Amino acid sequence: LGLPDEVYMLCRSICTYTEDNDMLIKHIPVSRTAGCIYFICDYMKIEMTFERIAKVCDISHVTIKKCFQKIKKFEEDLKKNEEAKNMITFEDHSPKVIDNS
């Protein structure tokens, strides 16, 4: 998809949170991941389409949209998540990776 590494780090954090909380349990892992990628792209205002992610992940864009909508319902919880807060900040709808090195 050609996204910056920080986007993938954010996606990983969101994927971990959704896995730990069984948020997308009915979906296969690639669908969960695709939904998280779209969630972060949407949140960061990165131009990305369901169709583009679907093509790369070889899944339906409808599936990605369903996962995204489920994640979106928990957006406020994600912002409060301690693990996510240790990696990112969601200030001004512009998530940034926090370097804890």
N, C-alpha and C. Protein backbone atom coordinates (compact mmCIF):
# COMPACT_ATOMS: atom_id res chain seq x y z
N LEU A 1 0.81 -1.20 0.00
CA LEU A 1 0.00 0.00 0.00
C LEU A 1 0.86 1.26 0.00
N GLY A 2 2.14 1.11 0.30
CA GLY A 2 3.04 2.25 0.27
C GLY A 2 2.82 3.25 1.39
N LEU A 3 2.33 2.80 2.52
CA LEU A 3 2.09 3.69 3.65
C LEU A 3 3.35 3.83 4.49
N PRO A 4 3.51 4.95 5.18
CA PRO A 4 4.69 5.14 6.05
C PRO A 4 4.70 4.13 7.20
N ASP A 5 5.89 3.85 7.69
CA ASP A 5 6.05 2.89 8.79
C ASP A 5 5.22 3.27 10.01
N GLU A 6 5.09 4.57 10.28
CA GLU A 6 4.32 4.98 11.47
C GLU A 6 2.85 4.56 11.34
N VAL A 7 2.33 4.52 10.14
CA VAL A 7 0.95 4.08 9.94
C VAL A 7 0.83 2.60 10.29
N TYR A 8 1.81 1.81 9.87
CA TYR A 8 1.78 0.39 10.19
C TYR A 8 1.93 0.15 11.70
N MET A 9 2.73 0.98 12.36
CA MET A 9 2.87 0.86 13.82
C MET A 9 1.54 1.16 14.50
N LEU A 10 0.86 2.18 14.02
CA LEU A 10 -0.45 2.52 14.57
C LEU A 10 -1.45 1.39 14.32
N CYS A 11 -1.41 0.84 13.12
CA CYS A 11 -2.31 -0.28 12.78
C CYS A 11 -2.06 -1.47 13.69
N ARG A 12 -0.80 -1.73 13.94
CA ARG A 12 -0.45 -2.86 14.83
C ARG A 12 -1.03 -2.65 16.22
N SER A 13 -0.94 -1.45 16.72
CA SER A 13 -1.49 -1.14 18.04
C SER A 13 -3.01 -1.34 18.06
N ILE A 14 -3.67 -0.86 17.03
CA ILE A 14 -5.12 -1.00 16.94
C ILE A 14 -5.50 -2.48 16.77
N CYS A 15 -4.76 -3.20 15.95
CA CYS A 15 -5.02 -4.64 15.77
C CYS A 15 -4.88 -5.39 17.10
N THR A 16 -3.84 -5.07 17.84
CA THR A 16 -3.63 -5.71 19.14
C THR A 16 -4.80 -5.44 20.07
N TYR A 17 -5.24 -4.20 20.11
CA TYR A 17 -6.37 -3.85 20.96
C TYR A 17 -7.64 -4.59 20.54
N THR A 18 -7.91 -4.64 19.25
CA THR A 18 -9.13 -5.32 18.79
C THR A 18 -9.04 -6.82 19.07
N GLU A 19 -7.85 -7.40 18.94
CA GLU A 19 -7.67 -8.83 19.24
C GLU A 19 -7.86 -9.09 20.73
N ASP A 20 -7.23 -8.28 21.56
CA ASP A 20 -7.31 -8.47 23.02
C ASP A 20 -8.74 -8.33 23.53
N ASN A 21 -9.56 -7.56 22.83
CA ASN A 21 -10.92 -7.31 23.28
C ASN A 21 -11.98 -8.03 22.44
N ASP A 22 -11.52 -8.98 21.63
CA ASP A 22 -12.43 -9.79 20.80
C ASP A 22 -13.44 -8.95 20.02
N MET A 23 -13.00 -7.81 19.53
CA MET A 23 -13.89 -6.89 18.83
C MET A 23 -14.32 -7.39 17.45
N LEU A 24 -13.43 -8.13 16.79
CA LEU A 24 -13.72 -8.58 15.43
C LEU A 24 -13.59 -10.10 15.33
N ILE A 25 -13.99 -10.77 16.37
CA ILE A 25 -13.79 -12.21 16.50
C ILE A 25 -14.41 -13.01 15.35
N LYS A 26 -15.46 -12.51 14.75
CA LYS A 26 -16.14 -13.25 13.67
C LYS A 26 -15.45 -13.11 12.32
N HIS A 27 -14.41 -12.31 12.27
CA HIS A 27 -13.72 -12.05 11.00
C HIS A 27 -12.34 -12.72 11.00
N ILE A 28 -11.89 -13.11 9.82
CA ILE A 28 -10.57 -13.72 9.71
C ILE A 28 -9.49 -12.65 9.92
N PRO A 29 -8.28 -13.07 10.31
CA PRO A 29 -7.23 -12.09 10.63
C PRO A 29 -6.94 -11.06 9.54
N VAL A 30 -6.93 -11.47 8.28
CA VAL A 30 -6.63 -10.49 7.23
C VAL A 30 -7.73 -9.43 7.14
N SER A 31 -8.96 -9.81 7.42
CA SER A 31 -10.06 -8.84 7.41
C SER A 31 -9.92 -7.86 8.57
N ARG A 32 -9.54 -8.37 9.72
CA ARG A 32 -9.34 -7.50 10.90
C ARG A 32 -8.24 -6.49 10.61
N THR A 33 -7.14 -6.99 10.05
CA THR A 33 -6.00 -6.13 9.74
C THR A 33 -6.38 -5.06 8.73
N ALA A 34 -7.08 -5.47 7.69
CA ALA A 34 -7.51 -4.52 6.65
C ALA A 34 -8.42 -3.44 7.25
N GLY A 35 -9.32 -3.84 8.12
CA GLY A 35 -10.20 -2.87 8.79
C GLY A 35 -9.42 -1.88 9.63
N CYS A 36 -8.38 -2.38 10.31
CA CYS A 36 -7.53 -1.50 11.13
C CYS A 36 -6.74 -0.53 10.25
N ILE A 37 -6.24 -1.03 9.12
CA ILE A 37 -5.51 -0.15 8.20
C ILE A 37 -6.43 0.97 7.71
N TYR A 38 -7.64 0.61 7.31
CA TYR A 38 -8.55 1.65 6.83
C TYR A 38 -8.92 2.62 7.96
N PHE A 39 -9.11 2.11 9.17
CA PHE A 39 -9.44 2.96 10.32
C PHE A 39 -8.36 4.02 10.52
N ILE A 40 -7.11 3.59 10.53
CA ILE A 40 -6.00 4.54 10.74
C ILE A 40 -5.90 5.51 9.57
N CYS A 41 -6.03 5.02 8.36
CA CYS A 41 -5.98 5.92 7.19
C CYS A 41 -7.09 6.95 7.25
N ASP A 42 -8.28 6.52 7.61
CA ASP A 42 -9.41 7.43 7.73
C ASP A 42 -9.14 8.46 8.82
N TYR A 43 -8.65 8.00 9.95
CA TYR A 43 -8.41 8.88 11.09
C TYR A 43 -7.32 9.91 10.79
N MET A 44 -6.28 9.46 10.06
CA MET A 44 -5.17 10.34 9.76
C MET A 44 -5.39 11.14 8.48
N LYS A 45 -6.56 10.96 7.87
CA LYS A 45 -6.90 11.68 6.63
C LYS A 45 -5.92 11.32 5.50
N ILE A 46 -5.53 10.04 5.46
CA ILE A 46 -4.70 9.53 4.37
C ILE A 46 -5.63 9.00 3.30
N GLU A 47 -5.41 9.43 2.08
CA GLU A 47 -6.28 9.01 0.99
C GLU A 47 -6.08 7.52 0.73
N MET A 48 -7.11 6.76 1.01
CA MET A 48 -7.07 5.31 0.84
C MET A 48 -8.51 4.85 0.60
N THR A 49 -8.68 3.86 -0.25
CA THR A 49 -10.02 3.36 -0.51
C THR A 49 -10.15 1.93 -0.01
N PHE A 50 -11.40 1.56 0.28
CA PHE A 50 -11.68 0.17 0.65
C PHE A 50 -11.21 -0.75 -0.48
N GLU A 51 -11.45 -0.34 -1.71
CA GLU A 51 -11.13 -1.17 -2.87
C GLU A 51 -9.63 -1.41 -2.99
N ARG A 52 -8.83 -0.39 -2.73
CA ARG A 52 -7.37 -0.55 -2.83
C ARG A 52 -6.86 -1.54 -1.79
N ILE A 53 -7.33 -1.40 -0.56
CA ILE A 53 -6.92 -2.34 0.49
C ILE A 53 -7.43 -3.73 0.15
N ALA A 54 -8.65 -3.83 -0.34
CA ALA A 54 -9.24 -5.12 -0.68
C ALA A 54 -8.41 -5.84 -1.74
N LYS A 55 -7.94 -5.10 -2.72
CA LYS A 55 -7.15 -5.70 -3.79
C LYS A 55 -5.84 -6.26 -3.24
N VAL A 56 -5.16 -5.48 -2.40
CA VAL A 56 -3.89 -5.91 -1.83
C VAL A 56 -4.08 -7.10 -0.89
N CYS A 57 -5.15 -7.07 -0.11
CA CYS A 57 -5.40 -8.12 0.89
C CYS A 57 -6.18 -9.30 0.32
N ASP A 58 -6.68 -9.15 -0.90
CA ASP A 58 -7.45 -10.19 -1.56
C ASP A 58 -8.70 -10.58 -0.75
N ILE A 59 -9.42 -9.56 -0.31
CA ILE A 59 -10.69 -9.76 0.38
C ILE A 59 -11.69 -8.75 -0.15
N SER A 60 -12.93 -8.92 0.21
CA SER A 60 -14.00 -8.05 -0.25
C SER A 60 -13.91 -6.67 0.41
N HIS A 61 -14.17 -5.62 -0.38
CA HIS A 61 -14.20 -4.28 0.21
C HIS A 61 -15.37 -4.15 1.18
N VAL A 62 -16.42 -4.94 0.98
CA VAL A 62 -17.56 -4.94 1.90
C VAL A 62 -17.13 -5.46 3.27
N THR A 63 -16.29 -6.49 3.28
CA THR A 63 -15.78 -7.04 4.55
C THR A 63 -14.96 -6.00 5.29
N ILE A 64 -14.11 -5.29 4.55
CA ILE A 64 -13.29 -4.25 5.18
C ILE A 64 -14.19 -3.17 5.78
N LYS A 65 -15.20 -2.79 5.04
CA LYS A 65 -16.12 -1.75 5.52
C LYS A 65 -16.82 -2.20 6.80
N LYS A 66 -17.24 -3.46 6.84
CA LYS A 66 -17.90 -3.99 8.05
C LYS A 66 -16.95 -3.93 9.25
N CYS A 67 -15.71 -4.37 9.05
CA CYS A 67 -14.73 -4.33 10.13
C CYS A 67 -14.47 -2.89 10.57
N PHE A 68 -14.28 -2.00 9.61
CA PHE A 68 -14.03 -0.59 9.90
C PHE A 68 -15.17 -0.01 10.74
N GLN A 69 -16.40 -0.29 10.35
CA GLN A 69 -17.55 0.26 11.07
C GLN A 69 -17.60 -0.26 12.50
N LYS A 70 -17.22 -1.50 12.71
CA LYS A 70 -17.18 -2.05 14.07
C LYS A 70 -16.09 -1.38 14.90
N ILE A 71 -14.92 -1.16 14.29
CA ILE A 71 -13.83 -0.49 14.99
C ILE A 71 -14.23 0.95 15.31
N LYS A 72 -14.84 1.61 14.36
CA LYS A 72 -15.24 3.02 14.52
C LYS A 72 -16.15 3.22 15.74
N LYS A 73 -17.00 2.22 16.02
CA LYS A 73 -17.89 2.30 17.18
C LYS A 73 -17.10 2.40 18.49
N PHE A 74 -15.87 1.91 18.49
CA PHE A 74 -15.06 1.88 19.70
C PHE A 74 -13.93 2.91 19.67
N GLU A 75 -14.06 3.90 18.82
CA GLU A 75 -12.99 4.89 18.65
C GLU A 75 -12.61 5.56 19.97
N GLU A 76 -13.57 5.95 20.75
CA GLU A 76 -13.27 6.62 22.03
C GLU A 76 -12.54 5.68 22.98
N ASP A 77 -12.94 4.40 23.00
CA ASP A 77 -12.25 3.42 23.84
C ASP A 77 -10.80 3.25 23.38
N LEU A 78 -10.60 3.23 22.07
CA LEU A 78 -9.24 3.09 21.53
C LEU A 78 -8.37 4.26 21.96
N LYS A 79 -8.93 5.44 21.98
CA LYS A 79 -8.17 6.63 22.38
C LYS A 79 -7.75 6.55 23.84
N LYS A 80 -8.53 5.85 24.65
CA LYS A 80 -8.26 5.75 26.09
C LYS A 80 -7.37 4.56 26.43
N ASN A 81 -7.17 3.64 25.48
CA ASN A 81 -6.41 2.43 25.73
C ASN A 81 -4.97 2.75 26.12
N GLU A 82 -4.52 2.18 27.25
CA GLU A 82 -3.18 2.47 27.75
C GLU A 82 -2.08 2.04 26.79
N GLU A 83 -2.21 0.86 26.19
CA GLU A 83 -1.18 0.40 25.25
C GLU A 83 -1.10 1.35 24.06
N ALA A 84 -2.24 1.74 23.55
CA ALA A 84 -2.25 2.67 22.42
C ALA A 84 -1.68 4.02 22.84
N LYS A 85 -2.01 4.47 24.04
CA LYS A 85 -1.49 5.76 24.50
C LYS A 85 0.03 5.74 24.64
N ASN A 86 0.59 4.56 24.94
CA ASN A 86 2.04 4.46 25.05
C ASN A 86 2.72 4.54 23.69
N MET A 87 2.00 4.26 22.63
CA MET A 87 2.57 4.29 21.29
C MET A 87 2.17 5.51 20.48
N ILE A 88 0.94 5.98 20.68
CA ILE A 88 0.42 7.04 19.83
C ILE A 88 -0.35 8.05 20.65
N THR A 89 -0.55 9.19 20.06
CA THR A 89 -1.44 10.19 20.63
C THR A 89 -2.44 10.56 19.54
N PHE A 90 -3.68 10.76 19.92
CA PHE A 90 -4.73 11.06 18.96
C PHE A 90 -5.12 12.54 18.99
N GLU A 91 -4.21 13.41 19.30
CA GLU A 91 -4.53 14.82 19.40
C GLU A 91 -4.87 15.40 18.03
N ASP A 92 -5.86 16.25 18.01
CA ASP A 92 -6.25 16.98 16.80
C ASP A 92 -6.48 16.06 15.59
N HIS A 93 -7.00 14.87 15.83
CA HIS A 93 -7.26 13.93 14.74
C HIS A 93 -6.04 13.71 13.87
N SER A 94 -4.88 13.78 14.46
CA SER A 94 -3.65 13.56 13.72
C SER A 94 -2.74 12.67 14.56
N PRO A 95 -2.98 11.36 14.58
CA PRO A 95 -2.18 10.47 15.40
C PRO A 95 -0.70 10.56 15.05
N LYS A 96 0.11 10.57 16.04
CA LYS A 96 1.56 10.60 15.86
C LYS A 96 2.16 9.47 16.68
N VAL A 97 3.20 8.86 16.14
CA VAL A 97 3.91 7.82 16.88
C VAL A 97 4.75 8.48 17.95
N ILE A 98 4.71 7.95 19.14
CA ILE A 98 5.53 8.45 20.24
C ILE A 98 6.76 7.55 20.33
N ASP A 99 7.92 8.12 20.25
CA ASP A 99 9.17 7.36 20.35
C ASP A 99 9.55 7.23 21.80
N ASN A 100 9.37 6.02 22.35
CA ASN A 100 9.68 5.77 23.75
C ASN A 100 11.10 5.23 23.94
N SER A 101 11.96 5.36 22.93
CA SER A 101 13.32 4.83 23.03
C SER A 101 14.16 5.66 23.95
